[in-house]
Amino acid sequence: MLTAVILALALLGGLAVSVPSQAAGLQDLIYQEAPRKPVDSVLKVAVGDPAPDFILPALPGPYTPASGPDTGTIRLSDFRGKHAVVLSFVPAAFTPVCSGQWPGYNIARTEFERRGAVLLGITTDNLPSLYAWTREMTERAPAPDAPGDGHGAGNDGAGQSSPPPGKGRATASPHGRTGGPADTATGGVWFPVLSDFWPHGAVAASYGLLRGDGMAERALVIIDRQGIIRHIHVSDVNKRPPLDIILRALDALPAR
């Protein structure tokens, strides 16, 4: 009541008044643009090749050292002999299909853990952008069939859906960052989020997944426990790949 009275008096007096607006959710921050060329790169790796190693800065979370010389980074080869690895390359933060694809993996977390697999999300965005983007995922993710933007018009993600508003929030691990698969990452996804920003797109380029516009392809690379590439799926950049592609590829990996 008092606020309304003050506002009325201010308007009558000709004063400029700033009225706070409701906070925007992720859907309100999505960047819309025309569809892009479905694939704009040439693979440099093949099934059966050793996966090119890399070390990338990552948001704080599982597998990210809290101290030491590699603080805040993740090295692919550190998982060799321990875990299968799924690399999920996506084009850009704050775009519709990317903003549905990664939160959609929240519904399959137990499936990754049951298979002893680590999921690493990679984009060519910088860490501040990724931090803001993943934090927005905790509040509201786009609907599974969100319209496209050139990083993903439409949805080809059968069997994968995004969490409803407010349901993608990560739950902090009671044991802190121990580097195990039960730990959670900052923001609305449970897996590590890595920045391939500088040297720009160097990791995506080493796999042959860097597009001509400087973004990564929408691609999945499944690597076995010995560091060998066992499956590659490069999607139409405008569509979200089905989740079952990953699970089938993991089930087909050698036992050791």
C-alpha atoms as a PDB file:
ATOM      1  CA  MET A   1       0.000   0.000   0.000  1.00  0.00           C
ATOM      2  CA  LEU A   2       2.755   2.425   0.975  1.00  0.00           C
ATOM      3  CA  THR A   3       4.642   1.634  -2.230  1.00  0.00           C
ATOM      4  CA  ALA A   4       1.555   2.389  -4.315  1.00  0.00           C
ATOM      5  CA  VAL A   5       1.058   5.725  -2.570  1.00  0.00           C
ATOM      6  CA  ILE A   6       4.691   6.750  -3.091  1.00  0.00           C
ATOM      7  CA  LEU A   7       4.475   5.768  -6.769  1.00  0.00           C
ATOM      8  CA  ALA A   8       1.275   7.773  -7.271  1.00  0.00           C
ATOM      9  CA  LEU A   9       2.754  10.853  -5.606  1.00  0.00           C
ATOM     10  CA  ALA A  10       5.889  10.574  -7.685  1.00  0.00           C
ATOM     11  CA  LEU A  11       3.908  10.363 -10.923  1.00  0.00           C
ATOM     12  CA  LEU A  12       1.761  13.339  -9.966  1.00  0.00           C
ATOM     13  CA  GLY A  13       4.896  15.308  -9.225  1.00  0.00           C
ATOM     14  CA  GLY A  14       6.377  14.465 -12.615  1.00  0.00           C
ATOM     15  CA  LEU A  15       9.231  12.490 -11.134  1.00  0.00           C
ATOM     16  CA  ALA A  16      10.923   9.641 -13.016  1.00  0.00           C
ATOM     17  CA  VAL A  17      10.320   6.409 -11.190  1.00  0.00           C
ATOM     18  CA  SER A  18      12.084   3.127 -11.830  1.00  0.00           C
ATOM     19  CA  VAL A  19       9.675   0.217 -11.390  1.00  0.00           C
ATOM     20  CA  PRO A  20      11.478  -3.115 -11.011  1.00  0.00           C
ATOM     21  CA  SER A  21      10.414  -5.727 -13.544  1.00  0.00           C
ATOM     22  CA  GLN A  22      10.018  -9.425 -12.933  1.00  0.00           C
ATOM     23  CA  ALA A  23      13.282 -11.343 -13.323  1.00  0.00           C
ATOM     24  CA  ALA A  24      13.687 -12.965 -16.715  1.00  0.00           C
ATOM     25  CA  GLY A  25      13.937 -16.724 -16.981  1.00  0.00           C
ATOM     26  CA  LEU A  26      16.141 -18.617 -19.401  1.00  0.00           C
ATOM     27  CA  GLN A  27      13.429 -18.662 -22.073  1.00  0.00           C
ATOM     28  CA  ASP A  28      13.391 -14.851 -22.045  1.00  0.00           C
ATOM     29  CA  LEU A  29      17.157 -14.673 -22.594  1.00  0.00           C
ATOM     30  CA  ILE A  30      17.364 -17.038 -25.562  1.00  0.00           C
ATOM     31  CA  TYR A  31      18.926 -15.575 -28.707  1.00  0.00           C
ATOM     32  CA  GLN A  32      16.836 -16.213 -31.817  1.00  0.00           C
ATOM     33  CA  GLU A  33      18.211 -16.347 -35.343  1.00  0.00           C
ATOM     34  CA  ALA A  34      17.713 -18.126 -38.655  1.00  0.00           C
ATOM     35  CA  PRO A  35      18.673 -21.789 -39.074  1.00  0.00           C
ATOM     36  CA  ARG A  36      22.281 -22.489 -39.965  1.00  0.00           C
ATOM     37  CA  LYS A  37      23.969 -24.870 -42.378  1.00  0.00           C
ATOM     38  CA  PRO A  38      23.380 -28.317 -40.808  1.00  0.00           C
ATOM     39  CA  VAL A  39      27.073 -29.334 -40.777  1.00  0.00           C
ATOM     40  CA  ASP A  40      30.007 -27.033 -41.545  1.00  0.00           C
ATOM     41  CA  SER A  41      33.176 -28.972 -40.772  1.00  0.00           C
ATOM     42  CA  VAL A  42      35.141 -32.057 -41.787  1.00  0.00           C
ATOM     43  CA  LEU A  43      36.013 -34.685 -39.178  1.00  0.00           C
ATOM     44  CA  LYS A  44      39.694 -35.163 -38.373  1.00  0.00           C
ATOM     45  CA  VAL A  45      39.135 -38.251 -36.218  1.00  0.00           C
ATOM     46  CA  ALA A  46      37.533 -41.629 -36.826  1.00  0.00           C
ATOM     47  CA  VAL A  47      36.219 -44.544 -34.802  1.00  0.00           C
ATOM     48  CA  GLY A  48      39.218 -46.539 -33.597  1.00  0.00           C
ATOM     49  CA  ASP A  49      41.510 -43.497 -33.257  1.00  0.00           C
ATOM     50  CA  PRO A  50      42.971 -42.419 -29.918  1.00  0.00           C
ATOM     51  CA  ALA A  51      40.968 -39.424 -28.745  1.00  0.00           C
ATOM     52  CA  PRO A  52      43.011 -36.203 -29.025  1.00  0.00           C
ATOM     53  CA  ASP A  53      43.908 -35.202 -25.481  1.00  0.00           C
ATOM     54  CA  PHE A  54      43.099 -31.750 -24.140  1.00  0.00           C
ATOM     55  CA  ILE A  55      43.033 -29.659 -21.010  1.00  0.00           C
ATOM     56  CA  LEU A  56      40.319 -27.014 -20.748  1.00  0.00           C
ATOM     57  CA  PRO A  57      39.090 -24.558 -18.121  1.00  0.00           C
ATOM     58  CA  ALA A  58      35.839 -25.682 -16.542  1.00  0.00           C
ATOM     59  CA  LEU A  59      33.157 -24.380 -14.241  1.00  0.00           C
ATOM     60  CA  PRO A  60      33.648 -25.568 -10.658  1.00  0.00           C
ATOM     61  CA  GLY A  61      32.157 -28.983 -10.197  1.00  0.00           C
ATOM     62  CA  PRO A  62      32.866 -32.712 -10.474  1.00  0.00           C
ATOM     63  CA  TYR A  63      36.379 -33.679 -11.548  1.00  0.00           C
ATOM     64  CA  THR A  64      37.587 -30.056 -11.395  1.00  0.00           C
ATOM     65  CA  PRO A  65      40.620 -29.788  -9.078  1.00  0.00           C
ATOM     66  CA  ALA A  66      40.015 -27.273  -6.296  1.00  0.00           C
ATOM     67  CA  SER A  67      43.743 -26.773  -5.808  1.00  0.00           C
ATOM     68  CA  GLY A  68      47.086 -27.551  -7.429  1.00  0.00           C
ATOM     69  CA  PRO A  69      48.612 -26.647 -10.783  1.00  0.00           C
ATOM     70  CA  ASP A  70      45.491 -27.651 -12.751  1.00  0.00           C
ATOM     71  CA  THR A  71      43.000 -25.761 -10.579  1.00  0.00           C
ATOM     72  CA  GLY A  72      39.778 -25.131 -12.468  1.00  0.00           C
ATOM     73  CA  THR A  73      40.659 -27.325 -15.438  1.00  0.00           C
ATOM     74  CA  ILE A  74      39.835 -30.792 -16.732  1.00  0.00           C
ATOM     75  CA  ARG A  75      42.193 -33.018 -18.712  1.00  0.00           C
ATOM     76  CA  LEU A  76      40.696 -35.754 -20.877  1.00  0.00           C
ATOM     77  CA  SER A  77      43.520 -38.228 -20.294  1.00  0.00           C
ATOM     78  CA  ASP A  78      42.895 -38.152 -16.530  1.00  0.00           C
ATOM     79  CA  PHE A  79      39.895 -40.435 -17.122  1.00  0.00           C
ATOM     80  CA  ARG A  80      41.900 -43.070 -18.997  1.00  0.00           C
ATOM     81  CA  GLY A  81      41.680 -46.458 -17.334  1.00  0.00           C
ATOM     82  CA  LYS A  82      38.885 -45.205 -15.056  1.00  0.00           C
ATOM     83  CA  HIS A  83      35.834 -44.075 -17.017  1.00  0.00           C
ATOM     84  CA  ALA A  84      34.301 -44.038 -20.450  1.00  0.00           C
ATOM     85  CA  VAL A  85      33.829 -40.422 -21.572  1.00  0.00           C
ATOM     86  CA  VAL A  86      31.074 -38.760 -23.583  1.00  0.00           C
ATOM     87  CA  LEU A  87      32.011 -35.420 -25.150  1.00  0.00           C
ATOM     88  CA  SER A  88      28.952 -33.300 -25.895  1.00  0.00           C
ATOM     89  CA  PHE A  89      29.953 -30.424 -28.173  1.00  0.00           C
ATOM     90  CA  VAL A  90      27.266 -27.767 -28.645  1.00  0.00           C
ATOM     91  CA  PRO A  91      27.376 -24.508 -30.638  1.00  0.00           C
ATOM     92  CA  ALA A  92      26.517 -21.711 -28.221  1.00  0.00           C
ATOM     93  CA  ALA A  93      25.147 -20.638 -24.868  1.00  0.00           C
ATOM     94  CA  PHE A  94      21.745 -18.977 -24.646  1.00  0.00           C
ATOM     95  CA  THR A  95      20.399 -20.604 -27.812  1.00  0.00           C
ATOM     96  CA  PRO A  96      17.244 -22.744 -27.886  1.00  0.00           C
ATOM     97  CA  VAL A  97      18.339 -26.268 -28.724  1.00  0.00           C
ATOM     98  CA  CYS A  98      21.536 -26.051 -26.671  1.00  0.00           C
ATOM     99  CA  SER A  99      19.491 -24.754 -23.745  1.00  0.00           C
ATOM    100  CA  GLY A 100      17.226 -27.790 -23.971  1.00  0.00           C
ATOM    101  CA  GLN A 101      19.837 -30.419 -24.807  1.00  0.00           C
ATOM    102  CA  TRP A 102      22.077 -30.102 -21.775  1.00  0.00           C
ATOM    103  CA  PRO A 103      19.359 -29.818 -19.091  1.00  0.00           C
ATOM    104  CA  GLY A 104      17.726 -32.776 -20.833  1.00  0.00           C
ATOM    105  CA  TYR A 105      20.653 -34.933 -19.745  1.00  0.00           C
ATOM    106  CA  ASN A 106      19.596 -34.404 -16.137  1.00  0.00           C
ATOM    107  CA  ILE A 107      16.905 -37.058 -16.561  1.00  0.00           C
ATOM    108  CA  ALA A 108      19.557 -39.596 -17.582  1.00  0.00           C
ATOM    109  CA  ARG A 109      22.167 -38.944 -14.924  1.00  0.00           C
ATOM    110  CA  THR A 110      21.677 -42.321 -13.282  1.00  0.00           C
ATOM    111  CA  GLU A 111      22.037 -44.023 -16.675  1.00  0.00           C
ATOM    112  CA  PHE A 112      25.473 -42.430 -17.163  1.00  0.00           C
ATOM    113  CA  GLU A 113      26.533 -43.310 -13.633  1.00  0.00           C
ATOM    114  CA  ARG A 114      25.304 -46.900 -13.938  1.00  0.00           C
ATOM    115  CA  ARG A 115      27.516 -47.296 -16.998  1.00  0.00           C
ATOM    116  CA  GLY A 116      30.498 -45.676 -15.287  1.00  0.00           C
ATOM    117  CA  ALA A 117      30.605 -42.906 -17.884  1.00  0.00           C
ATOM    118  CA  VAL A 118      31.639 -39.276 -17.522  1.00  0.00           C
ATOM    119  CA  LEU A 119      29.805 -36.623 -19.543  1.00  0.00           C
ATOM    120  CA  LEU A 120      31.732 -33.470 -20.501  1.00  0.00           C
ATOM    121  CA  GLY A 121      29.931 -30.529 -22.082  1.00  0.00           C
ATOM    122  CA  ILE A 122      32.061 -28.338 -24.380  1.00  0.00           C
ATOM    123  CA  THR A 123      31.364 -25.055 -26.194  1.00  0.00           C
ATOM    124  CA  THR A 124      33.529 -22.284 -27.628  1.00  0.00           C
ATOM    125  CA  ASP A 125      31.943 -19.763 -25.233  1.00  0.00           C
ATOM    126  CA  ASN A 126      33.998 -18.214 -22.441  1.00  0.00           C
ATOM    127  CA  LEU A 127      33.560 -19.235 -18.808  1.00  0.00           C
ATOM    128  CA  PRO A 128      31.600 -16.152 -17.665  1.00  0.00           C
ATOM    129  CA  SER A 129      29.007 -16.798 -20.384  1.00  0.00           C
ATOM    130  CA  LEU A 130      28.802 -20.475 -19.464  1.00  0.00           C
ATOM    131  CA  TYR A 131      28.470 -19.612 -15.788  1.00  0.00           C
ATOM    132  CA  ALA A 132      25.527 -17.269 -16.436  1.00  0.00           C
ATOM    133  CA  TRP A 133      23.896 -19.704 -18.859  1.00  0.00           C
ATOM    134  CA  THR A 134      24.037 -22.761 -16.632  1.00  0.00           C
ATOM    135  CA  ARG A 135      22.800 -20.792 -13.632  1.00  0.00           C
ATOM    136  CA  GLU A 136      19.764 -19.715 -15.647  1.00  0.00           C
ATOM    137  CA  MET A 137      19.094 -23.383 -16.375  1.00  0.00           C
ATOM    138  CA  THR A 138      18.271 -23.865 -12.691  1.00  0.00           C
ATOM    139  CA  GLU A 139      15.334 -21.512 -13.006  1.00  0.00           C
ATOM    140  CA  ARG A 140      13.718 -22.275 -16.331  1.00  0.00           C
ATOM    141  CA  ALA A 141      14.713 -24.408 -19.280  1.00  0.00           C
ATOM    142  CA  PRO A 142      12.976 -24.116 -22.662  1.00  0.00           C
ATOM    143  CA  ALA A 143      10.308 -26.637 -23.570  1.00  0.00           C
ATOM    144  CA  PRO A 144      11.614 -29.733 -25.352  1.00  0.00           C
ATOM    145  CA  ASP A 145      10.103 -28.569 -28.634  1.00  0.00           C
ATOM    146  CA  ALA A 146      11.353 -24.969 -28.414  1.00  0.00           C
ATOM    147  CA  PRO A 147      11.555 -23.287 -31.833  1.00  0.00           C
ATOM    148  CA  GLY A 148      14.926 -23.071 -33.500  1.00  0.00           C
ATOM    149  CA  ASP A 149      17.546 -20.393 -33.668  1.00  0.00           C
ATOM    150  CA  GLY A 150      20.129 -21.591 -36.105  1.00  0.00           C
ATOM    151  CA  HIS A 151      21.841 -23.531 -33.340  1.00  0.00           C
ATOM    152  CA  GLY A 152      18.815 -25.706 -33.297  1.00  0.00           C
ATOM    153  CA  ALA A 153      15.500 -25.105 -34.989  1.00  0.00           C
ATOM    154  CA  GLY A 154      13.057 -27.766 -33.966  1.00  0.00           C
ATOM    155  CA  ASN A 155      13.730 -30.882 -31.928  1.00  0.00           C
ATOM    156  CA  ASP A 156      15.022 -34.260 -32.940  1.00  0.00           C
ATOM    157  CA  GLY A 157      15.537 -35.409 -29.386  1.00  0.00           C
ATOM    158  CA  ALA A 158      13.194 -38.351 -29.109  1.00  0.00           C
ATOM    159  CA  GLY A 159      13.425 -39.881 -25.656  1.00  0.00           C
ATOM    160  CA  GLN A 160      15.002 -36.756 -24.156  1.00  0.00           C
ATOM    161  CA  SER A 161      13.175 -33.907 -22.509  1.00  0.00           C
ATOM    162  CA  SER A 162      14.096 -30.812 -20.564  1.00  0.00           C
ATOM    163  CA  PRO A 163      13.153 -30.476 -16.919  1.00  0.00           C
ATOM    164  CA  PRO A 164      10.117 -28.287 -16.232  1.00  0.00           C
ATOM    165  CA  PRO A 165      10.673 -24.775 -14.847  1.00  0.00           C
ATOM    166  CA  GLY A 166      12.607 -24.859 -11.621  1.00  0.00           C
ATOM    167  CA  LYS A 167      13.197 -28.622 -11.766  1.00  0.00           C
ATOM    168  CA  GLY A 168      16.676 -28.581 -13.251  1.00  0.00           C
ATOM    169  CA  ARG A 169      18.329 -27.265 -10.119  1.00  0.00           C
ATOM    170  CA  ALA A 170      21.474 -29.078  -9.119  1.00  0.00           C
ATOM    171  CA  THR A 171      21.660 -30.409  -5.573  1.00  0.00           C
ATOM    172  CA  ALA A 172      24.934 -29.853  -3.776  1.00  0.00           C
ATOM    173  CA  SER A 173      26.865 -32.949  -2.821  1.00  0.00           C
ATOM    174  CA  PRO A 174      27.082 -33.414   0.954  1.00  0.00           C
ATOM    175  CA  HIS A 175      30.669 -34.565   0.512  1.00  0.00           C
ATOM    176  CA  GLY A 176      31.939 -31.539  -1.443  1.00  0.00           C
ATOM    177  CA  ARG A 177      33.967 -31.790  -4.640  1.00  0.00           C
ATOM    178  CA  THR A 178      35.553 -35.210  -4.349  1.00  0.00           C
ATOM    179  CA  GLY A 179      35.909 -35.777  -8.090  1.00  0.00           C
ATOM    180  CA  GLY A 180      33.359 -38.597  -8.224  1.00  0.00           C
ATOM    181  CA  PRO A 181      30.342 -38.968 -10.490  1.00  0.00           C
ATOM    182  CA  ALA A 182      27.918 -38.266  -7.644  1.00  0.00           C
ATOM    183  CA  ASP A 183      29.155 -34.705  -7.308  1.00  0.00           C
ATOM    184  CA  THR A 184      27.256 -31.838  -8.924  1.00  0.00           C
ATOM    185  CA  ALA A 185      28.351 -28.932 -11.082  1.00  0.00           C
ATOM    186  CA  THR A 186      27.563 -25.272 -10.716  1.00  0.00           C
ATOM    187  CA  GLY A 187      24.223 -24.346 -12.226  1.00  0.00           C
ATOM    188  CA  GLY A 188      21.463 -26.453 -13.715  1.00  0.00           C
ATOM    189  CA  VAL A 189      23.461 -29.399 -15.053  1.00  0.00           C
ATOM    190  CA  TRP A 190      25.250 -32.123 -13.103  1.00  0.00           C
ATOM    191  CA  PHE A 191      28.177 -32.684 -15.456  1.00  0.00           C
ATOM    192  CA  PRO A 192      31.329 -30.585 -16.014  1.00  0.00           C
ATOM    193  CA  VAL A 193      31.005 -27.675 -18.446  1.00  0.00           C
ATOM    194  CA  LEU A 194      34.218 -26.794 -20.312  1.00  0.00           C
ATOM    195  CA  SER A 195      35.233 -23.697 -22.260  1.00  0.00           C
ATOM    196  CA  ASP A 196      37.023 -24.116 -25.598  1.00  0.00           C
ATOM    197  CA  PHE A 197      37.200 -20.330 -25.952  1.00  0.00           C
ATOM    198  CA  TRP A 198      40.966 -19.776 -26.160  1.00  0.00           C
ATOM    199  CA  PRO A 199      42.893 -20.619 -28.223  1.00  0.00           C
ATOM    200  CA  HIS A 200      39.514 -20.268 -29.852  1.00  0.00           C
ATOM    201  CA  GLY A 201      37.952 -23.606 -30.676  1.00  0.00           C
ATOM    202  CA  ALA A 202      41.278 -25.429 -30.563  1.00  0.00           C
ATOM    203  CA  VAL A 203      39.818 -28.631 -29.125  1.00  0.00           C
ATOM    204  CA  ALA A 204      36.826 -28.641 -31.476  1.00  0.00           C
ATOM    205  CA  ALA A 205      39.244 -28.042 -34.354  1.00  0.00           C
ATOM    206  CA  SER A 206      41.456 -30.969 -33.299  1.00  0.00           C
ATOM    207  CA  TYR A 207      38.437 -33.257 -33.680  1.00  0.00           C
ATOM    208  CA  GLY A 208      37.328 -31.578 -36.922  1.00  0.00           C
ATOM    209  CA  LEU A 209      34.242 -30.129 -35.234  1.00  0.00           C
ATOM    210  CA  LEU A 210      34.880 -26.375 -35.539  1.00  0.00           C
ATOM    211  CA  ARG A 211      32.420 -24.644 -37.838  1.00  0.00           C
ATOM    212  CA  GLY A 212      33.350 -21.791 -40.132  1.00  0.00           C
ATOM    213  CA  ASP A 213      31.512 -19.330 -37.864  1.00  0.00           C
ATOM    214  CA  GLY A 214      33.770 -20.218 -34.900  1.00  0.00           C
ATOM    215  CA  MET A 215      31.195 -22.354 -33.107  1.00  0.00           C
ATOM    216  CA  ALA A 216      31.427 -26.075 -32.452  1.00  0.00           C
ATOM    217  CA  GLU A 217      29.229 -28.561 -34.235  1.00  0.00           C
ATOM    218  CA  ARG A 218      26.463 -30.278 -32.306  1.00  0.00           C
ATOM    219  CA  ALA A 219      28.320 -33.538 -31.861  1.00  0.00           C
ATOM    220  CA  LEU A 220      28.768 -36.505 -29.554  1.00  0.00           C
ATOM    221  CA  VAL A 221      32.057 -38.373 -29.217  1.00  0.00           C
ATOM    222  CA  ILE A 222      32.076 -41.543 -27.108  1.00  0.00           C
ATOM    223  CA  ILE A 223      35.480 -42.636 -25.817  1.00  0.00           C
ATOM    224  CA  ASP A 224      36.200 -45.940 -24.074  1.00  0.00           C
ATOM    225  CA  ARG A 225      38.203 -46.429 -20.876  1.00  0.00           C
ATOM    226  CA  GLN A 226      41.413 -46.837 -22.860  1.00  0.00           C
ATOM    227  CA  GLY A 227      40.995 -43.470 -24.582  1.00  0.00           C
ATOM    228  CA  ILE A 228      39.865 -44.870 -27.940  1.00  0.00           C
ATOM    229  CA  ILE A 229      37.022 -43.248 -29.896  1.00  0.00           C
ATOM    230  CA  ARG A 230      34.194 -45.769 -30.281  1.00  0.00           C
ATOM    231  CA  HIS A 231      31.352 -43.639 -31.643  1.00  0.00           C
ATOM    232  CA  ILE A 232      30.946 -40.250 -33.344  1.00  0.00           C
ATOM    233  CA  HIS A 233      27.625 -38.586 -34.073  1.00  0.00           C
ATOM    234  CA  VAL A 234      27.568 -35.174 -35.755  1.00  0.00           C
ATOM    235  CA  SER A 235      24.008 -33.852 -35.735  1.00  0.00           C
ATOM    236  CA  ASP A 236      22.278 -31.313 -37.884  1.00  0.00           C
ATOM    237  CA  VAL A 237      23.237 -28.254 -35.833  1.00  0.00           C
ATOM    238  CA  ASN A 238      19.590 -27.182 -35.884  1.00  0.00           C
ATOM    239  CA  LYS A 239      18.346 -30.341 -34.144  1.00  0.00           C
ATOM    240  CA  ARG A 240      18.901 -32.038 -30.808  1.00  0.00           C
ATOM    241  CA  PRO A 241      20.300 -35.589 -30.989  1.00  0.00           C
ATOM    242  CA  PRO A 242      18.256 -38.349 -29.332  1.00  0.00           C
ATOM    243  CA  LEU A 243      19.512 -39.421 -25.934  1.00  0.00           C
ATOM    244  CA  ASP A 244      19.380 -43.107 -26.805  1.00  0.00           C
ATOM    245  CA  ILE A 245      22.285 -42.639 -29.244  1.00  0.00           C
ATOM    246  CA  ILE A 246      24.569 -42.141 -26.257  1.00  0.00           C
ATOM    247  CA  LEU A 247      23.175 -44.982 -24.159  1.00  0.00           C
ATOM    248  CA  ARG A 248      23.379 -47.501 -27.008  1.00  0.00           C
ATOM    249  CA  ALA A 249      26.976 -46.464 -27.767  1.00  0.00           C
ATOM    250  CA  LEU A 250      27.962 -46.800 -24.098  1.00  0.00           C
ATOM    251  CA  ASP A 251      26.353 -50.239 -23.878  1.00  0.00           C
ATOM    252  CA  ALA A 252      28.412 -51.347 -26.885  1.00  0.00           C
ATOM    253  CA  LEU A 253      31.756 -50.368 -25.334  1.00  0.00           C
ATOM    254  CA  PRO A 254      34.284 -53.060 -24.427  1.00  0.00           C
ATOM    255  CA  ALA A 255      33.997 -54.198 -20.821  1.00  0.00           C
ATOM    256  CA  ARG A 256      37.537 -52.964 -20.132  1.00  0.00           C
END
